[in-house]
């Protein structure tokens, strides 16, 4: 049975290249991530942002001896755990985490040996790199442990350098070690329901600019607050991951992503049932994680299995994450519930009706259009649908009836197919007949928008978020988007809750699980923790 990688965090860096499938767009994104420009890369969950960021890291690292551009990968996925008494906790945690990752990369490459002016700038005293690395690791971990009940240990932010000293230290390091530039690759930048964290991150992102520093960040669509000090047009190049199902290379590139990970039995099933496989590819609408998960559920690719998987996954499973946002973050429940009802009860039904009436003209659609002046609450509900990947923005300032301007959105094609009697029979023809100009319109004063009141929307306070965190820690691991193999392994060894997984060490995993080595233990723990932290972030 194939064991698919649903998450980039489960893949070792040296294996990234083996699994990479190069498309024109992906190559352009990776090349942009390696330049000296600041870059913001946007994409929904599961579209491959982290994978492309790690590919850029791999390529920069592989050519470092020649090009002297040093990649430093930093993930901020643990931001959900920070609940200390430091009023500037997020800013200080970010700097501590960046310093730790920087020193670690430099030390592993043998570029920072012994005390130096750079280490003095970072620590205010003469200190060797290994001690400095341990210091920043402990500081970062202290912030990340601040969520625990009974945590009384004060974090000392005065041990963290300010931004001026940090940038001076980078300049010293680059000049001493003949490094042309340090490229910070920020992944999982911020918690979607903590806009203050987001604003602080993008202020730091902007302020880090220097001839010796370039910054890149992977973010989610719709739910990212850039703040008043960060201007996209001036402060960064904006890129989006868009695997368009209408493109000529779509089927072949998505197929190659699966074949790179599939075992021989699955490869054989795909080749013998190519039409059924292509229906799954179109259903995923360019989301590799969704494609891999549906392929795992029907490895034999039989029509009956494919039909069942499309109906169960795109009617039920895909909505679990979205509905879960409202369950976790009660202040946004009205938005979440309205968005689901709007798509399921209105847009999908209208789309199916339009496809039935246009079939004789060989035309179909998975698109809808929203007037640009609809209530802000409607836009926010749509942003949450973008974040979870139910819909995707497919054009702004698009002309509708009477030349009115609005935004065109693309429904997840699998959601459209899931309402067909036999998706495997109609999927290919519907996909081939898609027309961008065919969309259902929802105008500025549509009555559907009138019942979404802004009064029912309340942002979560820090205390609310802390309570949410405690509740999630005691949830079963079943809520996590992990492979069945990994869930089984965890349950076999009595690791039943999220708290159990967070508390266990790699060494304990090795001791408990027979035939599991150090690398496998690290992968098991990292996959579980990464999924929990992403789950918690939204």
Protein backbone atom coordinates (compact mmCIF):
# COMPACT_ATOMS: atom_id res chain seq x y z
CA UNK A 1 0.00 0.00 0.00
CA UNK A 2 1.30 3.45 -0.93
CA UNK A 3 2.20 5.73 1.96
CA UNK A 4 1.65 9.21 0.60
CA UNK A 5 3.18 12.39 1.98
CA UNK A 6 0.26 14.71 2.64
CA UNK A 7 2.47 17.32 4.25
CA UNK A 8 5.86 18.76 3.30
CA UNK A 9 6.90 18.66 6.96
CA UNK A 10 7.04 14.86 6.68
CA UNK A 11 9.62 14.98 3.86
CA UNK A 12 13.35 15.22 4.49
CA UNK A 13 15.01 18.08 2.63
CA UNK A 14 17.24 15.81 0.54
CA UNK A 15 14.16 13.94 -0.71
CA UNK A 16 12.26 17.07 -1.76
CA UNK A 17 13.93 17.14 -5.17
CA UNK A 18 12.98 13.50 -5.87
CA UNK A 19 9.28 14.32 -5.41
CA UNK A 20 9.31 17.66 -7.23
CA UNK A 21 7.31 17.90 -10.45
CA UNK A 22 8.37 20.95 -12.43
CA UNK A 23 5.73 23.07 -14.12
CA UNK A 24 6.26 26.45 -15.74
CA UNK A 25 4.51 28.25 -12.88
CA UNK A 26 6.23 26.30 -10.11
CA UNK A 27 9.65 26.92 -11.66
CA UNK A 28 8.92 30.66 -11.88
CA UNK A 29 7.85 30.72 -8.21
CA UNK A 30 10.97 28.87 -7.02
CA UNK A 31 13.21 31.16 -9.05
CA UNK A 32 11.46 34.20 -7.54
CA UNK A 33 11.95 32.82 -4.03
CA UNK A 34 15.69 32.67 -4.68
CA UNK A 35 16.03 36.30 -5.81
CA UNK A 36 16.99 39.31 -3.70
CA UNK A 37 13.43 40.69 -3.87
CA UNK A 38 10.93 40.34 -1.02
CA UNK A 39 8.21 37.86 -2.02
CA UNK A 40 4.78 36.96 -0.62
CA UNK A 41 3.56 33.55 -1.86
CA UNK A 42 -0.16 32.94 -1.42
CA UNK A 43 -2.04 29.66 -1.64
CA UNK A 44 -4.81 27.68 0.07
CA UNK A 45 -4.10 24.77 2.38
CA UNK A 46 -2.64 21.79 0.57
CA UNK A 47 -1.67 23.59 -2.63
CA UNK A 48 2.08 23.12 -2.11
CA UNK A 49 3.35 26.45 -0.73
CA UNK A 50 5.63 24.78 1.79
CA UNK A 51 6.91 22.35 -0.83
CA UNK A 52 8.00 25.16 -3.17
CA UNK A 53 9.58 27.08 -0.28
CA UNK A 54 11.59 23.97 0.69
CA UNK A 55 12.58 23.42 -2.96
CA UNK A 56 13.95 26.97 -3.05
CA UNK A 57 15.86 26.20 0.16
CA UNK A 58 17.23 22.97 -1.33
CA UNK A 59 18.41 24.66 -4.53
CA UNK A 60 20.01 27.61 -2.72
CA UNK A 61 21.76 25.22 -0.35
CA UNK A 62 22.98 23.06 -3.25
CA UNK A 63 24.53 26.05 -5.03
CA UNK A 64 25.79 27.88 -1.93
CA UNK A 65 29.48 27.19 -2.60
CA UNK A 66 29.17 28.97 -5.97
CA UNK A 67 26.49 31.62 -5.41
CA UNK A 68 27.06 32.31 -1.68
CA UNK A 69 23.36 32.88 -0.94
CA UNK A 70 22.50 31.16 2.35
CA UNK A 71 18.91 29.92 2.83
CA UNK A 72 17.43 29.92 6.34
CA UNK A 73 14.03 28.22 6.61
CA UNK A 74 11.88 29.45 9.51
CA UNK A 75 8.39 28.20 10.34
CA UNK A 76 6.11 30.18 12.63
CA UNK A 77 3.45 27.48 12.88
CA UNK A 78 3.90 27.34 16.68
CA UNK A 79 2.62 30.92 17.06
CA UNK A 80 -0.69 29.48 18.34
CA UNK A 81 1.06 28.32 21.52
CA UNK A 82 2.35 31.72 22.66
CA UNK A 83 0.50 33.05 25.72
CA UNK A 84 3.13 34.68 27.93
CA UNK A 85 2.95 37.85 30.03
CA UNK A 86 5.32 39.68 27.66
CA UNK A 87 3.31 42.45 25.89
CA UNK A 88 5.55 42.12 22.81
CA UNK A 89 5.71 38.34 23.04
CA UNK A 90 5.15 37.60 19.35
CA UNK A 91 7.80 40.02 18.11
CA UNK A 92 10.34 38.72 20.63
CA UNK A 93 9.50 35.09 19.86
CA UNK A 94 9.93 35.73 16.13
CA UNK A 95 13.37 37.29 16.63
CA UNK A 96 14.47 34.50 18.99
CA UNK A 97 13.31 31.88 16.48
CA UNK A 98 15.04 33.64 13.58
CA UNK A 99 18.29 33.96 15.56
CA UNK A 100 18.17 30.30 16.55
CA UNK A 101 17.63 29.10 12.97
CA UNK A 102 20.30 31.46 11.62
CA UNK A 103 22.99 30.40 14.11
CA UNK A 104 22.11 26.73 13.59
CA UNK A 105 22.48 26.94 9.80
CA UNK A 106 25.75 28.88 10.07
CA UNK A 107 27.19 26.45 12.62
CA UNK A 108 26.25 23.37 10.59
CA UNK A 109 28.02 24.84 7.57
CA UNK A 110 31.10 25.64 9.64
CA UNK A 111 30.72 29.36 8.94
CA UNK A 112 30.52 30.59 12.53
CA UNK A 113 33.26 29.30 14.82
CA UNK A 114 34.17 30.95 18.11
CA UNK A 115 33.13 34.29 19.55
CA UNK A 116 33.05 37.18 17.07
CA UNK A 117 31.69 40.72 16.65
CA UNK A 118 28.54 39.14 15.20
CA UNK A 119 27.88 36.92 18.20
CA UNK A 120 28.56 39.88 20.48
CA UNK A 121 25.91 41.92 18.66
CA UNK A 122 23.40 39.09 19.05
CA UNK A 123 24.10 38.46 22.74
CA UNK A 124 25.68 41.65 24.15
CA UNK A 125 28.71 39.63 25.25
CA UNK A 126 31.41 37.30 23.94
CA UNK A 127 29.86 33.89 23.47
CA UNK A 128 30.56 30.91 21.22
CA UNK A 129 28.01 29.94 18.52
CA UNK A 130 26.93 26.66 20.17
CA UNK A 131 26.08 28.43 23.43
CA UNK A 132 24.32 31.17 21.46
CA UNK A 133 22.29 28.59 19.55
CA UNK A 134 21.23 26.91 22.79
CA UNK A 135 20.32 30.27 24.30
CA UNK A 136 17.97 31.23 21.47
CA UNK A 137 16.53 27.72 21.34
CA UNK A 138 15.64 27.93 25.03
CA UNK A 139 14.13 31.40 24.64
CA UNK A 140 12.02 30.31 21.68
CA UNK A 141 10.91 27.16 23.51
CA UNK A 142 10.02 29.16 26.63
CA UNK A 143 7.56 31.25 24.62
CA UNK A 144 6.15 28.11 22.98
CA UNK A 145 5.67 26.48 26.41
CA UNK A 146 3.87 29.53 27.80
CA UNK A 147 0.47 28.02 26.92
CA UNK A 148 0.88 25.23 29.50
CA UNK A 149 -1.22 25.50 32.65
CA UNK A 150 0.89 26.42 35.63
CA UNK A 151 3.55 28.03 33.44
CA UNK A 152 5.02 30.68 35.71
CA UNK A 153 8.52 30.95 34.30
CA UNK A 154 9.18 34.48 33.11
CA UNK A 155 10.64 34.85 29.64
CA UNK A 156 13.48 37.39 29.50
CA UNK A 157 13.05 39.43 26.29
CA UNK A 158 16.05 41.60 27.17
CA UNK A 159 18.23 38.68 26.05
CA UNK A 160 16.89 39.05 22.51
CA UNK A 161 18.66 41.56 20.21
CA UNK A 162 16.75 44.48 18.80
CA UNK A 163 16.31 44.75 15.05
CA UNK A 164 19.19 47.19 14.56
CA UNK A 165 21.70 44.93 16.30
CA UNK A 166 20.33 41.91 14.45
CA UNK A 167 20.82 43.55 11.04
CA UNK A 168 24.30 44.73 12.05
CA UNK A 169 25.14 41.15 13.07
CA UNK A 170 23.97 39.87 9.67
CA UNK A 171 26.22 42.39 7.94
CA UNK A 172 29.20 41.31 10.09
CA UNK A 173 28.50 37.63 9.35
CA UNK A 174 28.21 38.18 5.60
CA UNK A 175 31.41 40.21 5.40
CA UNK A 176 33.40 37.79 7.58
CA UNK A 177 32.27 34.62 5.77
CA UNK A 178 31.98 35.93 2.21
CA UNK A 179 28.21 35.39 2.13
CA UNK A 180 26.51 37.45 -0.55
CA UNK A 181 23.08 37.39 1.05
CA UNK A 182 20.99 35.52 3.63
CA UNK A 183 17.58 34.46 2.35
CA UNK A 184 14.98 33.98 5.09
CA UNK A 185 12.16 31.68 4.00
CA UNK A 186 9.19 32.15 6.35
CA UNK A 187 6.58 29.40 6.30
CA UNK A 188 3.26 29.19 8.17
CA UNK A 189 3.74 32.85 8.93
CA UNK A 190 0.82 33.65 11.22
CA UNK A 191 -2.33 32.47 13.03
CA UNK A 192 -5.33 33.41 10.90
CA UNK A 193 -7.45 34.58 13.84
CA UNK A 194 -4.73 36.66 15.49
CA UNK A 195 -4.54 39.70 13.19
CA UNK A 196 -2.26 41.55 15.59
CA UNK A 197 0.33 38.80 15.13
CA UNK A 198 -0.06 39.13 11.38
CA UNK A 199 0.51 42.88 11.47
CA UNK A 200 3.60 42.45 13.66
CA UNK A 201 5.01 39.83 11.32
CA UNK A 202 4.64 41.96 8.20
CA UNK A 203 6.12 44.99 9.96
CA UNK A 204 9.15 42.84 10.82
CA UNK A 205 9.18 41.43 7.28
CA UNK A 206 9.37 44.95 5.87
CA UNK A 207 11.90 46.22 8.42
CA UNK A 208 14.33 43.35 7.78
CA UNK A 209 15.16 44.77 4.34
CA UNK A 210 18.89 45.13 3.84
CA UNK A 211 21.51 44.54 1.11
CA UNK A 212 22.44 41.41 3.08
CA UNK A 213 18.91 40.09 3.75
CA UNK A 214 16.04 38.96 1.55
CA UNK A 215 12.72 37.74 2.96
CA UNK A 216 10.05 35.46 1.52
CA UNK A 217 6.79 34.41 3.21
CA UNK A 218 4.13 31.81 2.44
CA UNK A 219 0.62 32.95 3.44
CA UNK A 220 -3.00 31.90 3.07
CA UNK A 221 -5.48 33.70 0.78
CA UNK A 222 -8.18 35.93 2.14
CA UNK A 223 -7.37 35.74 5.85
CA UNK A 224 -4.06 37.60 6.08
CA UNK A 225 -3.92 41.08 7.66
CA UNK A 226 -0.94 43.04 6.37
CA UNK A 227 -1.48 46.07 8.60
CA UNK A 228 -1.08 49.77 7.83
CA UNK A 229 2.71 49.85 7.53
CA UNK A 230 3.06 47.11 4.90
CA UNK A 231 2.14 47.96 1.31
CA UNK A 232 2.22 45.02 -1.09
CA UNK A 233 2.90 47.14 -4.17
CA UNK A 234 5.98 48.72 -2.55
CA UNK A 235 7.22 46.18 -0.01
CA UNK A 236 7.05 42.82 -1.81
CA UNK A 237 6.36 40.91 -5.01
CA UNK A 238 3.03 39.08 -4.75
CA UNK A 239 2.73 35.55 -6.20
CA UNK A 240 -0.13 33.03 -6.14
CA UNK A 241 -0.09 29.27 -6.59
CA UNK A 242 -2.69 28.59 -9.26
CA UNK A 243 -2.84 25.18 -10.90
CA UNK A 244 -5.50 25.98 -13.47
CA UNK A 245 -7.53 22.92 -14.49
CA UNK A 246 -7.91 24.46 -17.96
CA UNK A 247 -4.15 24.54 -18.62
CA UNK A 248 -2.58 22.12 -21.09
CA UNK A 249 -0.12 20.68 -18.55
CA UNK A 250 -2.62 20.28 -15.71
CA UNK A 251 -3.43 16.57 -16.06
CA UNK A 252 0.13 15.46 -16.76
CA UNK A 253 1.71 17.45 -13.90
CA UNK A 254 -0.84 16.33 -11.31
CA UNK A 255 -0.50 12.73 -12.47
CA UNK A 256 3.28 12.95 -12.08
CA UNK A 257 2.88 14.20 -8.49
CA UNK A 258 0.98 11.01 -7.64
CA UNK A 259 3.25 8.66 -9.59
CA UNK A 260 6.31 10.01 -7.75
CA UNK A 261 4.85 8.61 -4.50
CA UNK A 262 2.67 5.68 -5.62
CA UNK A 263 3.68 2.02 -5.36
CA UNK A 264 3.58 -0.30 -8.37
CA UNK A 265 0.04 -1.53 -7.68
CA UNK A 266 -1.38 2.00 -7.63
CA UNK A 267 0.58 2.95 -10.76
CA UNK A 268 -0.87 -0.08 -12.54
CA UNK A 269 -4.41 0.80 -11.44
CA UNK A 270 -3.98 4.37 -12.66
CA UNK A 271 -2.73 3.28 -16.08
CA UNK A 272 -5.59 0.77 -16.45
CA UNK A 273 -8.25 3.27 -15.32
CA UNK A 274 -6.90 6.57 -16.61
CA UNK A 275 -10.30 8.20 -17.10
CA UNK A 276 -11.32 7.51 -13.51
CA UNK A 277 -7.98 8.85 -12.28
CA UNK A 278 -8.39 12.00 -14.38
CA UNK A 279 -11.79 12.59 -12.79
CA UNK A 280 -10.05 12.61 -9.39
CA UNK A 281 -7.40 14.99 -10.77
CA UNK A 282 -10.01 17.44 -12.05
CA UNK A 283 -11.95 17.15 -8.78
CA UNK A 284 -8.93 18.31 -6.76
CA UNK A 285 -8.76 21.59 -8.71
CA UNK A 286 -4.98 21.81 -8.45
CA UNK A 287 -4.69 20.82 -4.78
CA UNK A 288 -2.07 18.02 -4.49
CA UNK A 289 -3.01 17.14 -0.91
CA UNK A 290 -6.65 16.56 -1.83
CA UNK A 291 -5.66 14.49 -4.85
CA UNK A 292 -3.30 12.29 -2.82
CA UNK A 293 -5.94 11.77 -0.14
CA UNK A 294 -8.62 10.71 -2.62
CA UNK A 295 -6.19 8.42 -4.47
CA UNK A 296 -5.31 6.77 -1.15
CA UNK A 297 -9.01 6.12 -0.55
CA UNK A 298 -9.53 4.31 -3.88
CA UNK A 299 -6.18 2.78 -4.93
CA UNK A 300 -7.80 0.37 -7.42
CA UNK A 301 -9.39 3.25 -9.35
CA UNK A 302 -12.60 1.36 -10.06
CA UNK A 303 -15.56 3.50 -11.13
CA UNK A 304 -17.67 2.53 -8.15
CA UNK A 305 -14.89 3.42 -5.70
CA UNK A 306 -14.14 6.71 -7.44
CA UNK A 307 -17.82 7.70 -7.36
CA UNK A 308 -18.10 6.88 -3.66
CA UNK A 309 -14.91 8.75 -2.78
CA UNK A 310 -15.90 11.89 -4.70
CA UNK A 311 -19.30 11.96 -3.01
CA UNK A 312 -17.99 11.32 0.50
CA UNK A 313 -14.86 13.46 0.29
CA UNK A 314 -16.29 16.51 -1.50
CA UNK A 315 -19.69 16.45 0.22
CA UNK A 316 -18.51 15.67 3.75
CA UNK A 317 -14.76 15.45 4.38
CA UNK A 318 -13.85 18.72 2.68
CA UNK A 319 -16.38 20.57 4.82
CA UNK A 320 -15.13 19.14 8.12
CA UNK A 321 -12.20 21.55 8.29
CA UNK A 322 -14.32 24.53 7.28
CA UNK A 323 -17.10 23.82 9.77
CA UNK A 324 -14.44 23.17 12.41
CA UNK A 325 -13.40 26.83 12.18
CA UNK A 326 -16.80 27.82 13.56
CA UNK A 327 -16.67 25.16 16.25
CA UNK A 328 -13.24 26.32 17.46
CA UNK A 329 -13.64 30.05 16.97
CA UNK A 330 -17.18 30.86 18.11
CA UNK A 331 -16.83 34.52 17.20
CA UNK A 332 -16.65 33.52 13.53
CA UNK A 333 -19.31 30.80 13.62
CA UNK A 334 -21.96 32.91 11.85
CA UNK A 335 -19.58 33.64 8.98
CA UNK A 336 -18.50 30.01 8.69
CA UNK A 337 -22.04 28.61 8.76
CA UNK A 338 -23.36 31.23 6.34
CA UNK A 339 -20.54 30.48 3.88
CA UNK A 340 -21.26 26.75 3.89
CA UNK A 341 -25.01 27.27 3.49
CA UNK A 342 -24.45 29.77 0.69
CA UNK A 343 -22.28 27.34 -1.28
CA UNK A 344 -24.25 24.15 -0.61
CA UNK A 345 -27.80 25.51 -0.76
CA UNK A 346 -27.40 28.19 -3.42
CA UNK A 347 -24.24 28.17 -5.52
CA UNK A 348 -23.91 24.42 -6.07
CA UNK A 349 -27.58 24.05 -6.95
CA UNK A 350 -27.43 27.00 -9.37
CA UNK A 351 -24.25 25.58 -10.91
CA UNK A 352 -25.80 22.16 -11.48
CA UNK A 353 -28.89 23.72 -13.04
CA UNK A 354 -26.75 25.85 -15.35
CA UNK A 355 -24.73 22.79 -16.40
CA UNK A 356 -27.92 20.91 -17.24
CA UNK A 357 -29.32 23.72 -19.38
CA UNK A 358 -26.02 24.40 -21.18
CA UNK A 359 -25.10 20.76 -21.85
CA UNK A 360 -26.67 20.81 -25.33
CA UNK A 361 -24.24 23.62 -26.22
CA UNK A 362 -21.25 21.67 -24.82
CA UNK A 363 -20.77 24.27 -22.10
CA UNK A 364 -20.35 23.87 -18.35
CA UNK A 365 -19.28 25.94 -15.35
CA UNK A 366 -17.87 25.77 -11.84
CA UNK A 367 -17.72 29.57 -11.53
CA UNK A 368 -19.78 32.23 -9.78
CA UNK A 369 -19.53 36.02 -9.58
CA UNK A 370 -19.92 38.35 -6.59
CA UNK A 371 -20.51 42.10 -6.97
CA UNK A 372 -17.63 44.18 -5.65
CA UNK A 373 -19.93 46.23 -3.36
CA UNK A 374 -21.54 43.39 -1.41
CA UNK A 375 -21.49 43.72 2.41
CA UNK A 376 -18.09 43.30 4.06
CA UNK A 377 -19.42 40.35 6.06
CA UNK A 378 -20.06 38.47 2.80
CA UNK A 379 -16.50 39.15 1.66
CA UNK A 380 -15.17 37.85 4.99
CA UNK A 381 -17.23 34.65 4.69
CA UNK A 382 -15.84 34.15 1.18
CA UNK A 383 -12.30 34.70 2.46
CA UNK A 384 -12.73 31.84 4.92
CA UNK A 385 -13.98 29.62 2.07
CA UNK A 386 -10.85 30.57 0.12
CA UNK A 387 -8.63 29.73 3.08
CA UNK A 388 -10.02 26.20 3.40
CA UNK A 389 -9.87 25.71 -0.37
CA UNK A 390 -13.61 25.34 -1.06
CA UNK A 391 -13.43 28.22 -3.53
CA UNK A 392 -10.63 30.06 -5.33
CA UNK A 393 -10.53 33.63 -6.59
CA UNK A 394 -10.41 33.40 -10.39
CA UNK A 395 -10.45 37.00 -11.50
CA UNK A 396 -11.00 40.48 -10.09
CA UNK A 397 -12.74 43.43 -11.76
CA UNK A 398 -14.65 40.99 -13.97
CA UNK A 399 -17.62 42.45 -15.85
CA UNK A 400 -21.04 41.03 -15.04
CA UNK A 401 -24.52 42.01 -16.21
CA UNK A 402 -24.84 45.70 -17.16
CA UNK A 403 -21.03 45.93 -17.07
CA UNK A 404 -21.03 45.86 -13.26
CA UNK A 405 -17.69 44.92 -11.72
CA UNK A 406 -17.15 41.98 -9.39
CA UNK A 407 -14.96 39.01 -8.47
CA UNK A 408 -15.19 35.64 -10.21
CA UNK A 409 -14.69 32.59 -8.00
CA UNK A 410 -14.04 28.97 -8.89
CA UNK A 411 -15.84 26.23 -6.96
CA UNK A 412 -13.88 23.13 -6.07
CA UNK A 413 -14.72 20.96 -9.09
CA UNK A 414 -15.09 17.89 -6.88
CA UNK A 415 -17.90 19.67 -5.00
CA UNK A 416 -19.71 20.16 -8.31
CA UNK A 417 -19.19 16.50 -9.31
CA UNK A 418 -20.26 15.19 -5.91
CA UNK A 419 -23.86 16.15 -6.72
CA UNK A 420 -23.89 14.09 -9.92
CA UNK A 421 -25.36 10.57 -9.88
CA UNK A 422 -22.21 9.03 -11.38
CA UNK A 423 -19.29 11.51 -11.29
CA UNK A 424 -16.98 9.14 -13.19
CA UNK A 425 -19.32 9.20 -16.20
CA UNK A 426 -19.70 12.96 -16.54
CA UNK A 427 -16.53 14.35 -14.94
CA UNK A 428 -14.33 14.45 -18.04
CA UNK A 429 -16.95 16.04 -20.31
CA UNK A 430 -17.87 18.66 -17.70
CA UNK A 431 -14.19 19.53 -17.24
CA UNK A 432 -13.51 19.77 -20.98
CA UNK A 433 -16.55 22.01 -21.51
CA UNK A 434 -15.79 24.55 -18.77
CA UNK A 435 -16.25 28.15 -19.92
CA UNK A 436 -14.92 31.05 -17.85
CA UNK A 437 -17.61 33.39 -19.14
CA UNK A 438 -20.40 31.15 -17.81
CA UNK A 439 -21.03 32.01 -14.18
CA UNK A 440 -23.91 32.58 -11.79
CA UNK A 441 -24.12 36.20 -10.66
CA UNK A 442 -24.85 37.48 -7.16
CA UNK A 443 -25.49 41.21 -7.18
CA UNK A 444 -24.91 43.90 -4.61
CA UNK A 445 -28.42 43.72 -3.10
CA UNK A 446 -29.02 39.99 -3.40
CA UNK A 447 -31.46 38.97 -0.61
CA UNK A 448 -29.13 36.11 0.35
CA UNK A 449 -26.75 38.69 1.80
CA UNK A 450 -29.24 40.46 4.01
CA UNK A 451 -29.29 37.92 6.85
CA UNK A 452 -25.55 38.07 7.52
CA UNK A 453 -25.21 40.63 10.30
CA UNK A 454 -21.90 42.03 11.45
CA UNK A 455 -23.31 42.16 14.98
CA UNK A 456 -22.86 38.41 15.40
CA UNK A 457 -19.15 38.50 14.62
CA UNK A 458 -16.79 38.85 17.57
CA UNK A 459 -13.00 38.62 17.35
CA UNK A 460 -11.49 36.17 19.82
CA UNK A 461 -9.58 37.65 22.75
CA UNK A 462 -6.28 36.21 23.99
CA UNK A 463 -8.10 34.51 26.86
CA UNK A 464 -10.59 33.01 24.39
CA UNK A 465 -7.73 31.68 22.27
CA UNK A 466 -6.05 30.19 25.33
CA UNK A 467 -9.27 28.39 26.30
CA UNK A 468 -9.61 27.13 22.73
CA UNK A 469 -6.04 25.82 22.89
CA UNK A 470 -6.66 23.90 26.13
CA UNK A 471 -9.81 22.35 24.67
CA UNK A 472 -8.03 21.23 21.51
CA UNK A 473 -5.15 19.64 23.43
CA UNK A 474 -7.54 17.08 24.91
CA UNK A 475 -9.11 16.18 21.57
CA UNK A 476 -8.56 12.75 20.03
CA UNK A 477 -5.86 12.44 17.37
CA UNK A 478 -8.72 11.36 15.06
CA UNK A 479 -9.42 15.03 14.32
CA UNK A 480 -5.96 15.44 12.77
CA UNK A 481 -5.39 15.07 9.05
CA UNK A 482 -2.87 12.23 9.39
CA UNK A 483 -2.46 9.07 7.35
CA UNK A 484 -4.30 6.00 8.63
CA UNK A 485 -0.94 4.27 9.10
CA UNK A 486 0.31 7.03 11.39
CA UNK A 487 -2.93 7.18 13.39
CA UNK A 488 -2.82 3.42 13.88
CA UNK A 489 0.79 3.55 15.08
CA UNK A 490 0.03 6.31 17.57
CA UNK A 491 -3.04 4.53 18.96
CA UNK A 492 -1.19 1.22 19.22
CA UNK A 493 1.12 2.89 21.72
CA UNK A 494 -1.58 4.68 23.70
CA UNK A 495 -0.92 8.11 22.20
CA UNK A 496 -4.60 8.98 22.00
CA UNK A 497 -4.83 12.74 22.45
CA UNK A 498 -3.05 15.72 20.97
CA UNK A 499 -1.50 16.44 24.38
CA UNK A 500 -0.04 12.91 24.41
CA UNK A 501 1.71 13.55 21.09
CA UNK A 502 3.02 16.97 22.12
CA UNK A 503 4.47 15.59 25.35
CA UNK A 504 6.29 12.56 23.93
CA UNK A 505 9.91 12.80 22.77
CA UNK A 506 11.47 11.21 19.69
CA UNK A 507 13.47 8.93 21.99
CA UNK A 508 10.28 7.73 23.69
CA UNK A 509 8.72 6.99 20.30
CA UNK A 510 11.73 4.85 19.40
CA UNK A 511 11.51 3.00 22.71
CA UNK A 512 7.78 2.35 22.39
CA UNK A 513 7.61 1.43 18.71
CA UNK A 514 9.56 -1.56 17.49
CA UNK A 515 11.56 -1.18 14.28
CA UNK A 516 11.28 2.61 14.37
CA UNK A 517 14.64 4.37 14.07
CA UNK A 518 15.64 7.93 14.87
CA UNK A 519 14.63 9.39 11.49
CA UNK A 520 11.30 7.56 11.43
CA UNK A 521 10.55 8.64 15.01
CA UNK A 522 11.30 12.25 14.12
CA UNK A 523 9.05 12.02 11.08
CA UNK A 524 6.18 10.51 13.09
CA UNK A 525 6.37 13.19 15.79
CA UNK A 526 6.92 16.08 13.38
CA UNK A 527 4.00 15.04 11.17
CA UNK A 528 1.62 14.82 14.12
CA UNK A 529 2.77 18.10 15.69
CA UNK A 530 2.80 19.99 12.38
CA UNK A 531 -0.74 18.86 11.59
CA UNK A 532 -1.95 19.86 15.05
CA UNK A 533 -0.35 23.29 14.84
CA UNK A 534 -1.84 23.90 11.39
CA UNK A 535 -5.20 22.65 12.66
CA UNK A 536 -4.98 25.01 15.62
CA UNK A 537 -4.01 27.94 13.41
CA UNK A 538 -7.37 27.65 11.72
